[in-house]
Amino acid sequence: MEEKKNVISKGTIKGKFKGFKNSSTIFEFTDGQKWRQSEAKFVNYFAVNPEVEIIHKDGKYYMEVRGLDKTIEVRRIK
């Protein structure tokens, strides 16, 4: 049985998404939310205005990008 995801936010990244880089990478959503990558993980992936979900798990927040099978730990900055 698959564990139910605790989705706390859904949105669309504004403009070009080039993947995960480093802990200074900021993801801005079309609704104004801003999330900063909080772990060093490098994944190259290109998409324009991809849909994303923010998941809360084990006291941390993770971002899932549609079409990408990896997640990244993030923290909200706006």
Protein backbone atom coordinates (compact mmCIF):
# COMPACT_ATOMS: atom_id res chain seq x y z
CA MET A 1 0.00 0.00 0.00
CA GLU A 2 1.42 3.38 -1.02
CA GLU A 3 1.81 5.99 1.71
CA LYS A 4 -0.44 9.01 1.21
CA LYS A 5 1.57 12.12 0.42
CA ASN A 6 1.06 15.13 2.66
CA VAL A 7 0.83 17.80 -0.05
CA ILE A 8 0.86 21.25 1.55
CA SER A 9 1.11 23.34 -1.62
CA LYS A 10 0.72 22.98 -5.37
CA GLY A 11 1.92 25.47 -7.90
CA THR A 12 3.79 26.27 -11.07
CA ILE A 13 7.40 27.39 -11.24
CA LYS A 14 7.61 30.73 -13.03
CA GLY A 15 9.55 30.53 -16.28
CA LYS A 16 12.48 28.24 -17.01
CA PHE A 17 13.35 25.43 -14.61
CA LYS A 18 16.85 24.03 -15.10
CA GLY A 19 16.91 21.45 -12.33
CA PHE A 20 18.45 21.34 -8.88
CA LYS A 21 21.80 23.03 -8.32
CA ASN A 22 22.85 24.06 -4.81
CA SER A 23 21.50 25.51 -1.59
CA SER A 24 21.34 29.03 -3.03
CA THR A 25 18.88 28.00 -5.77
CA ILE A 26 15.51 29.75 -5.39
CA PHE A 27 12.33 28.56 -7.06
CA GLU A 28 9.67 31.23 -7.65
CA PHE A 29 6.09 30.13 -8.24
CA THR A 30 3.61 31.99 -10.43
CA ASP A 31 1.54 32.79 -7.30
CA GLY A 32 4.49 34.55 -5.62
CA GLN A 33 5.65 31.74 -3.33
CA LYS A 34 9.43 31.36 -3.12
CA TRP A 35 11.22 28.22 -1.98
CA ARG A 36 14.98 27.79 -1.51
CA GLN A 37 16.74 24.47 -2.14
CA SER A 38 18.18 23.39 1.22
CA GLU A 39 20.39 20.48 0.26
CA ALA A 40 23.22 20.10 -2.21
CA LYS A 41 21.86 17.97 -5.03
CA PHE A 42 22.63 18.41 -8.70
CA VAL A 43 20.06 17.27 -11.24
CA ASN A 44 19.88 18.74 -14.73
CA TYR A 45 16.36 18.92 -16.08
CA PHE A 46 14.78 21.54 -18.31
CA ALA A 47 11.13 22.54 -18.31
CA VAL A 48 9.14 25.74 -18.78
CA ASN A 49 6.52 26.54 -16.12
CA PRO A 50 6.53 23.01 -14.64
CA GLU A 51 3.87 22.03 -12.11
CA VAL A 52 5.18 21.23 -8.65
CA GLU A 53 3.98 19.95 -5.30
CA ILE A 54 5.47 20.72 -1.89
CA ILE A 55 5.32 17.67 0.38
CA HIS A 56 5.71 17.69 4.18
CA LYS A 57 7.45 14.56 5.46
CA ASP A 58 9.36 13.83 8.68
CA GLY A 59 9.38 17.52 9.66
CA LYS A 60 10.88 18.66 6.37
CA TYR A 61 9.54 20.03 3.08
CA TYR A 62 10.28 18.49 -0.29
CA MET A 63 9.53 19.71 -3.79
CA GLU A 64 8.37 17.33 -6.51
CA VAL A 65 8.51 18.56 -10.09
CA ARG A 66 6.15 16.94 -12.59
CA GLY A 67 8.14 14.78 -15.01
CA LEU A 68 11.14 14.47 -12.69
CA ASP A 69 11.48 11.36 -10.51
CA LYS A 70 13.69 13.03 -7.88
CA THR A 71 12.70 15.33 -5.02
CA ILE A 72 14.66 18.06 -3.30
CA GLU A 73 14.48 19.37 0.26
CA VAL A 74 13.34 23.00 0.32
CA ARG A 75 12.35 25.71 2.76
CA ARG A 76 9.90 28.52 2.16
CA ILE A 77 11.33 32.02 2.06
CA LYS A 78 8.22 33.89 0.88
